[in-house]
Amino acid sequence: MSGARSQGTSGDNRFGEFVKRKWLAIVLVLLLIVVAIQNGIGGDQATIFVLWGQVQLPTWLLVLIVFAIGVITGWVLARNRAARRARR
């Protein structure tokens, strides 16, 4: 049955399935981009207190750093979950 499909239909089907599974992540990344651009245009500075010091950086950079931390955390947790399932 899959041999009868054309290559274009198969690619379209894979893209549709990807969007169905990842729609929330796509929406959140688009929202992140909008927030980062809006804060980049405004030129605001954010002050972050880290232990005994403070760091001042552009707000758009803070948004991207928090996003990167979230991505890394999600990746690590997913990897640990997959390892636990593989041990069962």
PDB file of N, CA and C in Angstrom:
ATOM      1  N   MET A   1       0.821  -1.182   0.000  1.00  0.00           N
ATOM      2  CA  MET A   1       0.000   0.000   0.000  1.00  0.00           C
ATOM      3  C   MET A   1       0.870   1.253   0.000  1.00  0.00           C
ATOM      4  N   SER A   2       1.923   1.276   0.822  1.00  0.00           N
ATOM      5  CA  SER A   2       2.773   2.452   0.861  1.00  0.00           C
ATOM      6  C   SER A   2       3.574   2.591  -0.434  1.00  0.00           C
ATOM      7  N   GLY A   3       3.797   1.496  -1.166  1.00  0.00           N
ATOM      8  CA  GLY A   3       4.510   1.567  -2.432  1.00  0.00           C
ATOM      9  C   GLY A   3       3.711   2.302  -3.490  1.00  0.00           C
ATOM     10  N   ALA A   4       2.376   2.325  -3.353  1.00  0.00           N
ATOM     11  CA  ALA A   4       1.523   2.980  -4.326  1.00  0.00           C
ATOM     12  C   ALA A   4       1.496   4.499  -4.120  1.00  0.00           C
ATOM     13  N   ARG A   5       1.936   4.984  -2.981  1.00  0.00           N
ATOM     14  CA  ARG A   5       1.930   6.423  -2.732  1.00  0.00           C
ATOM     15  C   ARG A   5       3.068   7.089  -3.476  1.00  0.00           C
ATOM     16  N   SER A   6       2.809   8.321  -3.891  1.00  0.00           N
ATOM     17  CA  SER A   6       3.886   9.075  -4.521  1.00  0.00           C
ATOM     18  C   SER A   6       4.767   9.678  -3.436  1.00  0.00           C
ATOM     19  N   GLN A   7       5.968  10.063  -3.807  1.00  0.00           N
ATOM     20  CA  GLN A   7       6.920  10.603  -2.847  1.00  0.00           C
ATOM     21  C   GLN A   7       6.388  11.893  -2.230  1.00  0.00           C
ATOM     22  N   GLY A   8       5.725  12.755  -3.011  1.00  0.00           N
ATOM     23  CA  GLY A   8       5.190  14.014  -2.500  1.00  0.00           C
ATOM     24  C   GLY A   8       4.120  13.787  -1.442  1.00  0.00           C
ATOM     25  N   THR A   9       3.259  12.833  -1.641  1.00  0.00           N
ATOM     26  CA  THR A   9       2.211  12.547  -0.675  1.00  0.00           C
ATOM     27  C   THR A   9       2.802  12.029   0.625  1.00  0.00           C
ATOM     28  N   SER A  10       3.817  11.187   0.526  1.00  0.00           N
ATOM     29  CA  SER A  10       4.459  10.645   1.718  1.00  0.00           C
ATOM     30  C   SER A  10       5.104  11.759   2.529  1.00  0.00           C
ATOM     31  N   GLY A  11       5.777  12.685   1.859  1.00  0.00           N
ATOM     32  CA  GLY A  11       6.408  13.812   2.535  1.00  0.00           C
ATOM     33  C   GLY A  11       5.375  14.721   3.179  1.00  0.00           C
ATOM     34  N   ASP A  12       4.271  14.989   2.481  1.00  0.00           N
ATOM     35  CA  ASP A  12       3.195  15.809   3.030  1.00  0.00           C
ATOM     36  C   ASP A  12       2.586  15.144   4.257  1.00  0.00           C
ATOM     37  N   ASN A  13       2.416  13.824   4.196  1.00  0.00           N
ATOM     38  CA  ASN A  13       1.838  13.079   5.302  1.00  0.00           C
ATOM     39  C   ASN A  13       2.752  13.144   6.526  1.00  0.00           C
ATOM     40  N   ARG A  14       4.054  13.005   6.308  1.00  0.00           N
ATOM     41  CA  ARG A  14       5.003  13.084   7.420  1.00  0.00           C
ATOM     42  C   ARG A  14       4.990  14.469   8.051  1.00  0.00           C
ATOM     43  N   PHE A  15       4.923  15.498   7.221  1.00  0.00           N
ATOM     44  CA  PHE A  15       4.872  16.862   7.747  1.00  0.00           C
ATOM     45  C   PHE A  15       3.596  17.083   8.553  1.00  0.00           C
ATOM     46  N   GLY A  16       2.477  16.585   8.053  1.00  0.00           N
ATOM     47  CA  GLY A  16       1.206  16.706   8.772  1.00  0.00           C
ATOM     48  C   GLY A  16       1.243  15.996  10.114  1.00  0.00           C
ATOM     49  N   GLU A  17       1.822  14.821  10.141  1.00  0.00           N
ATOM     50  CA  GLU A  17       1.946  14.076  11.395  1.00  0.00           C
ATOM     51  C   GLU A  17       2.861  14.806  12.381  1.00  0.00           C
ATOM     52  N   PHE A  18       3.955  15.381  11.855  1.00  0.00           N
ATOM     53  CA  PHE A  18       4.870  16.136  12.709  1.00  0.00           C
ATOM     54  C   PHE A  18       4.145  17.318  13.352  1.00  0.00           C
ATOM     55  N   VAL A  19       3.365  18.055  12.558  1.00  0.00           N
ATOM     56  CA  VAL A  19       2.634  19.214  13.083  1.00  0.00           C
ATOM     57  C   VAL A  19       1.590  18.766  14.104  1.00  0.00           C
ATOM     58  N   LYS A  20       0.917  17.658  13.859  1.00  0.00           N
ATOM     59  CA  LYS A  20      -0.084  17.158  14.806  1.00  0.00           C
ATOM     60  C   LYS A  20       0.544  16.802  16.147  1.00  0.00           C
ATOM     61  N   ARG A  21       1.737  16.228  16.122  1.00  0.00           N
ATOM     62  CA  ARG A  21       2.395  15.820  17.366  1.00  0.00           C
ATOM     63  C   ARG A  21       3.062  16.976  18.082  1.00  0.00           C
ATOM     64  N   LYS A  22       3.532  17.969  17.345  1.00  0.00           N
ATOM     65  CA  LYS A  22       4.356  19.034  17.933  1.00  0.00           C
ATOM     66  C   LYS A  22       3.692  20.408  17.896  1.00  0.00           C
ATOM     67  N   TRP A  23       2.358  20.494  17.743  1.00  0.00           N
ATOM     68  CA  TRP A  23       1.717  21.785  17.564  1.00  0.00           C
ATOM     69  C   TRP A  23       1.937  22.712  18.759  1.00  0.00           C
ATOM     70  N   LEU A  24       1.911  22.191  19.959  1.00  0.00           N
ATOM     71  CA  LEU A  24       2.099  23.041  21.135  1.00  0.00           C
ATOM     72  C   LEU A  24       3.516  23.605  21.172  1.00  0.00           C
ATOM     73  N   ALA A  25       4.504  22.792  20.871  1.00  0.00           N
ATOM     74  CA  ALA A  25       5.883  23.262  20.847  1.00  0.00           C
ATOM     75  C   ALA A  25       6.073  24.331  19.770  1.00  0.00           C
ATOM     76  N   ILE A  26       5.450  24.150  18.620  1.00  0.00           N
ATOM     77  CA  ILE A  26       5.551  25.130  17.537  1.00  0.00           C
ATOM     78  C   ILE A  26       4.946  26.463  17.962  1.00  0.00           C
ATOM     79  N   VAL A  27       3.772  26.421  18.587  1.00  0.00           N
ATOM     80  CA  VAL A  27       3.119  27.644  19.059  1.00  0.00           C
ATOM     81  C   VAL A  27       3.975  28.339  20.111  1.00  0.00           C
ATOM     82  N   LEU A  28       4.547  27.589  21.036  1.00  0.00           N
ATOM     83  CA  LEU A  28       5.377  28.184  22.082  1.00  0.00           C
ATOM     84  C   LEU A  28       6.649  28.806  21.519  1.00  0.00           C
ATOM     85  N   VAL A  29       7.270  28.178  20.536  1.00  0.00           N
ATOM     86  CA  VAL A  29       8.468  28.748  19.918  1.00  0.00           C
ATOM     87  C   VAL A  29       8.120  30.038  19.173  1.00  0.00           C
ATOM     88  N   LEU A  30       6.987  30.043  18.475  1.00  0.00           N
ATOM     89  CA  LEU A  30       6.558  31.272  17.801  1.00  0.00           C
ATOM     90  C   LEU A  30       6.297  32.392  18.805  1.00  0.00           C
ATOM     91  N   LEU A  31       5.676  32.055  19.934  1.00  0.00           N
ATOM     92  CA  LEU A  31       5.439  33.039  20.984  1.00  0.00           C
ATOM     93  C   LEU A  31       6.763  33.549  21.553  1.00  0.00           C
ATOM     94  N   LEU A  32       7.713  32.659  21.740  1.00  0.00           N
ATOM     95  CA  LEU A  32       9.046  33.049  22.208  1.00  0.00           C
ATOM     96  C   LEU A  32       9.685  34.042  21.248  1.00  0.00           C
ATOM     97  N   ILE A  33       9.587  33.783  19.966  1.00  0.00           N
ATOM     98  CA  ILE A  33      10.174  34.671  18.964  1.00  0.00           C
ATOM     99  C   ILE A  33       9.535  36.051  19.030  1.00  0.00           C
ATOM    100  N   VAL A  34       8.218  36.090  19.155  1.00  0.00           N
ATOM    101  CA  VAL A  34       7.511  37.370  19.241  1.00  0.00           C
ATOM    102  C   VAL A  34       7.954  38.142  20.481  1.00  0.00           C
ATOM    103  N   VAL A  35       8.014  37.481  21.630  1.00  0.00           N
ATOM    104  CA  VAL A  35       8.416  38.143  22.876  1.00  0.00           C
ATOM    105  C   VAL A  35       9.854  38.627  22.787  1.00  0.00           C
ATOM    106  N   ALA A  36      10.747  37.826  22.243  1.00  0.00           N
ATOM    107  CA  ALA A  36      12.157  38.224  22.122  1.00  0.00           C
ATOM    108  C   ALA A  36      12.302  39.436  21.202  1.00  0.00           C
ATOM    109  N   ILE A  37      11.576  39.444  20.081  1.00  0.00           N
ATOM    110  CA  ILE A  37      11.655  40.576  19.149  1.00  0.00           C
ATOM    111  C   ILE A  37      11.095  41.836  19.797  1.00  0.00           C
ATOM    112  N   GLN A  38       9.946  41.723  20.472  1.00  0.00           N
ATOM    113  CA  GLN A  38       9.358  42.891  21.126  1.00  0.00           C
ATOM    114  C   GLN A  38      10.300  43.464  22.175  1.00  0.00           C
ATOM    115  N   ASN A  39      10.948  42.614  22.940  1.00  0.00           N
ATOM    116  CA  ASN A  39      11.865  43.096  23.968  1.00  0.00           C
ATOM    117  C   ASN A  39      13.170  43.593  23.360  1.00  0.00           C
ATOM    118  N   GLY A  40      13.558  43.064  22.221  1.00  0.00           N
ATOM    119  CA  GLY A  40      14.748  43.560  21.542  1.00  0.00           C
ATOM    120  C   GLY A  40      14.547  44.952  20.990  1.00  0.00           C
ATOM    121  N   ILE A  41      13.348  45.223  20.486  1.00  0.00           N
ATOM    122  CA  ILE A  41      13.025  46.539  19.942  1.00  0.00           C
ATOM    123  C   ILE A  41      12.956  47.575  21.061  1.00  0.00           C
ATOM    124  N   GLY A  42      12.405  47.166  22.228  1.00  0.00           N
ATOM    125  CA  GLY A  42      12.257  48.094  23.343  1.00  0.00           C
ATOM    126  C   GLY A  42      13.579  48.496  23.961  1.00  0.00           C
ATOM    127  N   GLY A  43      14.588  47.651  23.874  1.00  0.00           N
ATOM    128  CA  GLY A  43      15.896  47.971  24.425  1.00  0.00           C
ATOM    129  C   GLY A  43      15.952  47.958  25.946  1.00  0.00           C
ATOM    130  N   ASP A  44      15.015  47.262  26.589  1.00  0.00           N
ATOM    131  CA  ASP A  44      15.003  47.200  28.045  1.00  0.00           C
ATOM    132  C   ASP A  44      16.151  46.352  28.571  1.00  0.00           C
ATOM    133  N   GLN A  45      16.565  46.670  29.783  1.00  0.00           N
ATOM    134  CA  GLN A  45      17.601  45.901  30.479  1.00  0.00           C
ATOM    135  C   GLN A  45      16.962  45.190  31.667  1.00  0.00           C
ATOM    136  N   ALA A  46      17.409  43.986  31.927  1.00  0.00           N
ATOM    137  CA  ALA A  46      16.938  43.214  33.077  1.00  0.00           C
ATOM    138  C   ALA A  46      18.106  43.055  34.048  1.00  0.00           C
ATOM    139  N   THR A  47      17.804  43.183  35.326  1.00  0.00           N
ATOM    140  CA  THR A  47      18.813  42.972  36.358  1.00  0.00           C
ATOM    141  C   THR A  47      18.490  41.670  37.066  1.00  0.00           C
ATOM    142  N   ILE A  48      19.455  40.770  37.097  1.00  0.00           N
ATOM    143  CA  ILE A  48      19.270  39.473  37.734  1.00  0.00           C
ATOM    144  C   ILE A  48      20.251  39.371  38.888  1.00  0.00           C
ATOM    145  N   PHE A  49      19.749  38.960  40.032  1.00  0.00           N
ATOM    146  CA  PHE A  49      20.588  38.776  41.208  1.00  0.00           C
ATOM    147  C   PHE A  49      20.987  37.314  41.291  1.00  0.00           C
ATOM    148  N   VAL A  50      22.287  37.053  41.214  1.00  0.00           N
ATOM    149  CA  VAL A  50      22.819  35.699  41.255  1.00  0.00           C
ATOM    150  C   VAL A  50      23.733  35.596  42.469  1.00  0.00           C
ATOM    151  N   LEU A  51      23.287  34.806  43.437  1.00  0.00           N
ATOM    152  CA  LEU A  51      24.013  34.629  44.687  1.00  0.00           C
ATOM    153  C   LEU A  51      24.344  35.987  45.303  1.00  0.00           C
ATOM    154  N   TRP A  52      25.595  36.405  45.311  1.00  0.00           N
ATOM    155  CA  TRP A  52      25.957  37.657  45.962  1.00  0.00           C
ATOM    156  C   TRP A  52      26.157  38.800  44.968  1.00  0.00           C
ATOM    157  N   GLY A  53      26.015  38.553  43.692  1.00  0.00           N
ATOM    158  CA  GLY A  53      26.220  39.596  42.693  1.00  0.00           C
ATOM    159  C   GLY A  53      24.973  39.850  41.878  1.00  0.00           C
ATOM    160  N   GLN A  54      25.089  40.732  40.940  1.00  0.00           N
ATOM    161  CA  GLN A  54      23.987  41.005  40.031  1.00  0.00           C
ATOM    162  C   GLN A  54      24.513  41.145  38.613  1.00  0.00           C
ATOM    163  N   VAL A  55      23.666  40.772  37.670  1.00  0.00           N
ATOM    164  CA  VAL A  55      24.026  40.817  36.260  1.00  0.00           C
ATOM    165  C   VAL A  55      22.957  41.619  35.543  1.00  0.00           C
ATOM    166  N   GLN A  56      23.396  42.523  34.674  1.00  0.00           N
ATOM    167  CA  GLN A  56      22.444  43.285  33.881  1.00  0.00           C
ATOM    168  C   GLN A  56      22.627  42.886  32.420  1.00  0.00           C
ATOM    169  N   LEU A  57      21.526  42.522  31.761  1.00  0.00           N
ATOM    170  CA  LEU A  57      21.585  42.095  30.378  1.00  0.00           C
ATOM    171  C   LEU A  57      20.295  42.482  29.683  1.00  0.00           C
ATOM    172  N   PRO A  58      20.294  42.530  28.360  1.00  0.00           N
ATOM    173  CA  PRO A  58      19.073  42.864  27.627  1.00  0.00           C
ATOM    174  C   PRO A  58      17.967  41.836  27.911  1.00  0.00           C
ATOM    175  N   THR A  59      16.733  42.312  27.977  1.00  0.00           N
ATOM    176  CA  THR A  59      15.608  41.434  28.305  1.00  0.00           C
ATOM    177  C   THR A  59      15.447  40.328  27.269  1.00  0.00           C
ATOM    178  N   TRP A  60      15.673  40.640  25.989  1.00  0.00           N
ATOM    179  CA  TRP A  60      15.520  39.614  24.957  1.00  0.00           C
ATOM    180  C   TRP A  60      16.510  38.479  25.182  1.00  0.00           C
ATOM    181  N   LEU A  61      17.709  38.818  25.656  1.00  0.00           N
ATOM    182  CA  LEU A  61      18.709  37.791  25.925  1.00  0.00           C
ATOM    183  C   LEU A  61      18.291  36.929  27.107  1.00  0.00           C
ATOM    184  N   LEU A  62      17.711  37.558  28.120  1.00  0.00           N
ATOM    185  CA  LEU A  62      17.200  36.805  29.268  1.00  0.00           C
ATOM    186  C   LEU A  62      16.117  35.822  28.824  1.00  0.00           C
ATOM    187  N   VAL A  63      15.224  36.254  27.945  1.00  0.00           N
ATOM    188  CA  VAL A  63      14.163  35.375  27.432  1.00  0.00           C
ATOM    189  C   VAL A  63      14.780  34.166  26.727  1.00  0.00           C
ATOM    190  N   LEU A  64      15.776  34.397  25.904  1.00  0.00           N
ATOM    191  CA  LEU A  64      16.417  33.294  25.178  1.00  0.00           C
ATOM    192  C   LEU A  64      17.189  32.365  26.111  1.00  0.00           C
ATOM    193  N   ILE A  65      17.818  32.921  27.143  1.00  0.00           N
ATOM    194  CA  ILE A  65      18.540  32.087  28.105  1.00  0.00           C
ATOM    195  C   ILE A  65      17.580  31.186  28.871  1.00  0.00           C
ATOM    196  N   VAL A  66      16.454  31.754  29.305  1.00  0.00           N
ATOM    197  CA  VAL A  66      15.459  30.947  30.026  1.00  0.00           C
ATOM    198  C   VAL A  66      14.911  29.856  29.112  1.00  0.00           C
ATOM    199  N   PHE A  67      14.678  30.178  27.844  1.00  0.00           N
ATOM    200  CA  PHE A  67      14.210  29.177  26.888  1.00  0.00           C
ATOM    201  C   PHE A  67      15.231  28.056  26.724  1.00  0.00           C
ATOM    202  N   ALA A  68      16.503  28.422  26.591  1.00  0.00           N
ATOM    203  CA  ALA A  68      17.557  27.412  26.428  1.00  0.00           C
ATOM    204  C   ALA A  68      17.637  26.507  27.655  1.00  0.00           C
ATOM    205  N   ILE A  69      17.508  27.090  28.840  1.00  0.00           N
ATOM    206  CA  ILE A  69      17.510  26.275  30.066  1.00  0.00           C
ATOM    207  C   ILE A  69      16.341  25.303  30.056  1.00  0.00           C
ATOM    208  N   GLY A  70      15.173  25.766  29.615  1.00  0.00           N
ATOM    209  CA  GLY A  70      14.004  24.890  29.530  1.00  0.00           C
ATOM    210  C   GLY A  70      14.195  23.758  28.535  1.00  0.00           C
ATOM    211  N   VAL A  71      14.793  24.063  27.391  1.00  0.00           N
ATOM    212  CA  VAL A  71      15.046  23.041  26.372  1.00  0.00           C
ATOM    213  C   VAL A  71      16.010  21.990  26.905  1.00  0.00           C
ATOM    214  N   ILE A  72      17.077  22.437  27.538  1.00  0.00           N
ATOM    215  CA  ILE A  72      18.070  21.496  28.077  1.00  0.00           C
ATOM    216  C   ILE A  72      17.446  20.637  29.171  1.00  0.00           C
ATOM    217  N   THR A  73      16.655  21.253  30.044  1.00  0.00           N
ATOM    218  CA  THR A  73      15.990  20.493  31.109  1.00  0.00           C
ATOM    219  C   THR A  73      15.043  19.447  30.529  1.00  0.00           C
ATOM    220  N   GLY A  74      14.249  19.834  29.543  1.00  0.00           N
ATOM    221  CA  GLY A  74      13.337  18.884  28.902  1.00  0.00           C
ATOM    222  C   GLY A  74      14.065  17.750  28.228  1.00  0.00           C
ATOM    223  N   TRP A  75      15.179  18.057  27.586  1.00  0.00           N
ATOM    224  CA  TRP A  75      15.972  17.029  26.908  1.00  0.00           C
ATOM    225  C   TRP A  75      16.544  16.034  27.916  1.00  0.00           C
ATOM    226  N   VAL A  76      17.077  16.554  29.020  1.00  0.00           N
ATOM    227  CA  VAL A  76      17.648  15.673  30.045  1.00  0.00           C
ATOM    228  C   VAL A  76      16.561  14.792  30.662  1.00  0.00           C
ATOM    229  N   LEU A  77      15.417  15.369  30.986  1.00  0.00           N
ATOM    230  CA  LEU A  77      14.334  14.583  31.585  1.00  0.00           C
ATOM    231  C   LEU A  77      13.813  13.520  30.624  1.00  0.00           C
ATOM    232  N   ALA A  78      13.684  13.863  29.351  1.00  0.00           N
ATOM    233  CA  ALA A  78      13.230  12.880  28.361  1.00  0.00           C
ATOM    234  C   ALA A  78      14.243  11.757  28.206  1.00  0.00           C
ATOM    235  N   ARG A  79      15.514  12.102  28.226  1.00  0.00           N
ATOM    236  CA  ARG A  79      16.565  11.085  28.128  1.00  0.00           C
ATOM    237  C   ARG A  79      16.547  10.146  29.321  1.00  0.00           C
ATOM    238  N   ASN A  80      16.364  10.717  30.512  1.00  0.00           N
ATOM    239  CA  ASN A  80      16.306   9.878  31.714  1.00  0.00           C
ATOM    240  C   ASN A  80      15.070   8.975  31.690  1.00  0.00           C
ATOM    241  N   ARG A  81      13.945   9.500  31.226  1.00  0.00           N
ATOM    242  CA  ARG A  81      12.723   8.700  31.147  1.00  0.00           C
ATOM    243  C   ARG A  81      12.911   7.553  30.156  1.00  0.00           C
ATOM    244  N   ALA A  82      13.551   7.827  29.022  1.00  0.00           N
ATOM    245  CA  ALA A  82      13.792   6.781  28.030  1.00  0.00           C
ATOM    246  C   ALA A  82      14.738   5.711  28.592  1.00  0.00           C
ATOM    247  N   ALA A  83      15.732   6.126  29.354  1.00  0.00           N
ATOM    248  CA  ALA A  83      16.668   5.160  29.952  1.00  0.00           C
ATOM    249  C   ALA A  83      15.953   4.281  30.973  1.00  0.00           C
ATOM    250  N   ARG A  84      15.076   4.865  31.758  1.00  0.00           N
ATOM    251  CA  ARG A  84      14.317   4.061  32.744  1.00  0.00           C
ATOM    252  C   ARG A  84      13.427   3.054  32.040  1.00  0.00           C
ATOM    253  N   ARG A  85      12.769   3.464  30.953  1.00  0.00           N
ATOM    254  CA  ARG A  85      11.900   2.547  30.216  1.00  0.00           C
ATOM    255  C   ARG A  85      12.709   1.426  29.578  1.00  0.00           C
ATOM    256  N   ALA A  86      13.913   1.724  29.125  1.00  0.00           N
ATOM    257  CA  ALA A  86      14.749   0.704  28.492  1.00  0.00           C
ATOM    258  C   ALA A  86      15.220  -0.335  29.495  1.00  0.00           C
ATOM    259  N   ARG A  87      15.369   0.064  30.754  1.00  0.00           N
ATOM    260  CA  ARG A  87      15.813  -0.880  31.795  1.00  0.00           C
ATOM    261  C   ARG A  87      14.699  -1.829  32.215  1.00  0.00           C
ATOM    262  N   ARG A  88      13.469  -1.476  31.994  1.00  0.00           N
ATOM    263  CA  ARG A  88      12.334  -2.342  32.397  1.00  0.00           C
ATOM    264  C   ARG A  88      12.188  -3.553  31.552  1.00  0.00           C
TER     265      ARG A  88
END
